[in-house]
Protein backbone atom coordinates (compact mmCIF):
# COMPACT_ATOMS: atom_id res chain seq x y z
CA UNK A 1 282.70 183.59 112.46
CA UNK A 2 282.80 183.86 108.66
CA UNK A 3 286.35 182.50 108.58
CA UNK A 4 285.43 179.50 110.73
CA UNK A 5 282.38 178.69 108.62
CA UNK A 6 284.45 178.78 105.42
CA UNK A 7 287.13 176.61 107.04
CA UNK A 8 284.53 174.11 108.25
CA UNK A 9 282.92 173.99 104.80
CA UNK A 10 286.31 173.50 103.12
CA UNK A 11 287.20 170.72 105.56
CA UNK A 12 283.96 168.89 104.70
CA UNK A 13 285.27 168.92 101.12
CA UNK A 14 288.66 167.58 102.24
CA UNK A 15 290.35 170.93 101.61
CA UNK A 16 293.10 171.60 104.19
CA UNK A 17 296.36 173.51 104.67
CA UNK A 18 297.79 175.42 101.69
CA UNK A 19 294.90 174.29 99.47
CA UNK A 20 292.45 175.81 101.99
CA UNK A 21 294.39 179.09 102.09
CA UNK A 22 294.30 179.30 98.29
CA UNK A 23 290.56 178.49 98.16
CA UNK A 24 289.82 180.92 100.99
CA UNK A 25 291.70 183.77 99.31
CA UNK A 26 289.83 183.06 96.05
CA UNK A 27 286.31 183.08 97.51
CA UNK A 28 286.98 186.01 99.84
CA UNK A 29 288.16 188.02 96.85
CA UNK A 30 285.38 186.88 94.50
CA UNK A 31 282.62 187.41 97.04
CA UNK A 32 284.00 190.62 98.54
CA UNK A 33 284.23 189.29 102.09
CA UNK A 34 287.45 190.97 103.29
CA UNK A 35 285.64 193.38 105.61
CA UNK A 36 283.58 190.63 107.31
CA UNK A 37 285.97 187.65 107.34
CA UNK A 38 286.53 188.04 111.12
CA UNK A 39 282.92 188.93 112.00
CA UNK A 40 280.28 186.64 113.36
CA UNK A 41 277.96 185.52 110.58
CA UNK A 42 274.97 186.68 112.65
CA UNK A 43 276.40 190.22 112.76
CA UNK A 44 276.61 190.46 108.96
CA UNK A 45 274.01 192.22 106.85
CA UNK A 46 271.65 190.12 104.73
CA UNK A 47 273.75 190.95 101.67
CA UNK A 48 276.94 189.71 103.31
CA UNK A 49 275.15 186.61 104.59
CA UNK A 50 274.15 185.85 100.99
CA UNK A 51 277.77 186.32 99.92
CA UNK A 52 279.01 184.07 102.74
CA UNK A 53 276.59 181.36 101.61
CA UNK A 54 277.81 181.74 98.04
CA UNK A 55 281.44 181.56 99.23
CA UNK A 56 280.63 178.32 101.07
CA UNK A 57 279.14 176.91 97.87
CA UNK A 58 282.21 178.00 95.89
CA UNK A 59 284.97 176.96 98.32
CA UNK A 60 285.65 173.75 96.38
CA UNK A 61 285.44 175.55 93.01
CA UNK A 62 282.51 173.59 91.56
CA UNK A 63 281.76 173.59 87.84
CA UNK A 64 278.04 174.14 88.49
CA UNK A 65 276.46 176.55 90.98
CA UNK A 66 272.76 176.37 91.71
CA UNK A 67 271.41 179.62 93.15
CA UNK A 68 267.86 179.88 94.45
CA UNK A 69 266.49 183.44 94.62
CA UNK A 70 269.95 184.95 95.24
CA UNK A 71 268.77 188.57 95.58
CA UNK A 72 265.55 188.11 97.56
CA UNK A 73 265.41 190.51 100.49
CA UNK A 74 268.49 192.50 99.50
CA UNK A 75 268.64 196.28 99.27
CA UNK A 76 269.25 197.87 95.82
CA UNK A 77 273.02 198.19 96.30
CA UNK A 78 273.31 194.60 97.47
CA UNK A 79 271.24 193.45 94.47
CA UNK A 80 273.60 195.23 92.08
CA UNK A 81 276.64 193.72 93.81
CA UNK A 82 275.18 190.22 93.79
CA UNK A 83 274.26 190.49 90.09
CA UNK A 84 277.80 191.61 89.27
CA UNK A 85 279.19 188.72 91.27
CA UNK A 86 276.99 186.19 89.47
CA UNK A 87 277.93 187.61 86.06
CA UNK A 88 281.64 187.53 86.98
CA UNK A 89 281.37 183.85 87.90
CA UNK A 90 279.62 182.85 84.69
CA UNK A 91 282.85 182.59 82.71
CA UNK A 92 284.27 179.85 84.93
CA UNK A 93 281.09 178.21 86.21
CA UNK A 94 277.75 177.10 84.88
CA UNK A 95 275.21 178.93 86.99
CA UNK A 96 271.68 177.67 87.37
CA UNK A 97 269.53 180.48 88.72
CA UNK A 98 266.13 179.63 90.11
CA UNK A 99 263.90 182.70 90.37
CA UNK A 100 260.43 183.96 89.55
CA UNK A 101 261.61 187.56 89.18
CA UNK A 102 261.75 188.20 85.43
CA UNK A 103 263.79 191.44 85.65
CA UNK A 104 266.38 189.49 87.64
CA UNK A 105 266.68 186.98 84.82
CA UNK A 106 267.01 189.73 82.21
CA UNK A 107 269.73 191.50 84.24
CA UNK A 108 271.74 188.38 85.07
CA UNK A 109 271.31 185.61 82.52
CA UNK A 110 272.44 184.98 78.95
CA UNK A 111 270.15 182.00 78.39
CA UNK A 112 266.81 181.14 79.99
CA UNK A 113 265.01 177.84 80.37
CA UNK A 114 261.50 178.09 81.78
CA UNK A 115 260.32 174.95 83.51
CA UNK A 116 256.70 174.42 84.52
CA UNK A 117 255.78 171.34 86.54
CA UNK A 118 259.02 169.64 85.53
CA UNK A 119 258.66 170.26 81.80
CA UNK A 120 260.65 172.71 79.69
CA UNK A 121 258.11 175.13 78.23
CA UNK A 122 260.47 177.76 76.77
CA UNK A 123 264.17 178.22 76.10
CA UNK A 124 265.79 181.30 74.58
CA UNK A 125 267.62 184.53 75.40
CA UNK A 126 265.94 186.87 77.91
CA UNK A 127 265.42 189.44 75.14
CA UNK A 128 263.63 186.99 72.87
CA UNK A 129 261.47 185.63 75.67
CA UNK A 130 260.40 189.04 76.95
CA UNK A 131 259.88 190.45 73.46
CA UNK A 132 256.46 188.83 73.22
CA UNK A 133 255.25 190.22 76.56
CA UNK A 134 253.86 193.47 75.13
CA UNK A 135 250.36 191.97 74.98
CA UNK A 136 250.48 191.11 71.31
CA UNK A 137 251.28 187.98 69.39
CA UNK A 138 252.73 187.83 65.92
CA UNK A 139 251.55 185.00 63.74
CA UNK A 140 253.09 184.41 60.35
CA UNK A 141 250.95 182.44 57.93
CA UNK A 142 251.52 181.44 54.36
CA UNK A 143 248.59 181.00 52.05
CA UNK A 144 248.21 180.51 48.34
CA UNK A 145 246.15 183.50 47.18
CA UNK A 146 246.25 182.82 43.46
CA UNK A 147 247.62 186.32 42.77
CA UNK A 148 245.09 188.24 44.91
CA UNK A 149 246.35 190.46 47.75
CA UNK A 150 244.57 189.27 50.94
CA UNK A 151 245.74 192.05 53.30
CA UNK A 152 242.51 194.09 53.18
CA UNK A 153 240.42 191.02 53.97
CA UNK A 154 242.73 189.86 56.78
CA UNK A 155 242.67 193.28 58.43
CA UNK A 156 238.87 193.05 58.80
CA UNK A 157 239.26 190.09 61.17
CA UNK A 158 238.78 191.02 64.85
CA UNK A 159 242.12 191.22 66.65
CA UNK A 160 244.26 191.58 63.52
CA UNK A 161 246.20 194.82 63.83
CA UNK A 162 247.98 194.62 60.50
CA UNK A 163 248.58 192.28 57.60
CA UNK A 164 251.39 192.38 55.08
CA UNK A 165 251.70 190.72 51.71
CA UNK A 166 255.05 189.47 50.41
CA UNK A 167 255.68 188.72 46.73
CA UNK A 168 257.55 185.57 45.81
CA UNK A 169 257.67 184.68 42.11
CA UNK A 170 254.55 186.78 41.47
CA UNK A 171 252.60 184.87 44.12
CA UNK A 172 251.08 186.63 47.13
CA UNK A 173 251.50 185.20 50.64
């Protein structure tokens, strides 16, 4: 049963008695488990099973939660509910979300760190990271043109869509 699993998990964290009741009430409320608290875990939908797992991870009120693909296999309503739950927890917990689903990151996260083979390859907001995914790349260069506007010449280069010249103390860049 969901209740028994949460009690067992709390006990493994040395949480008993009134402290367990307080922790149980907190995670049941946060994870929306009131309607399944007395059901067998195996009888719960995939969405509720995900929430039960999250409640087990949260029973001892950790500072950091690590979630691996938290919405995989959920129906659209369950995805929305799980995203809302994750966002609601972010004020009190640091949440590390492991996923390869970019829209999930954009919908859930405030900050993104992309790790490839153990190395950080990008770190920014989801908006800034996805902004460059339109198939184009912007390159800003500064050159000393000795007063000549180079935009017409630059635009003749294959792949250059546009070039813009900025004046700075009568110099062109």
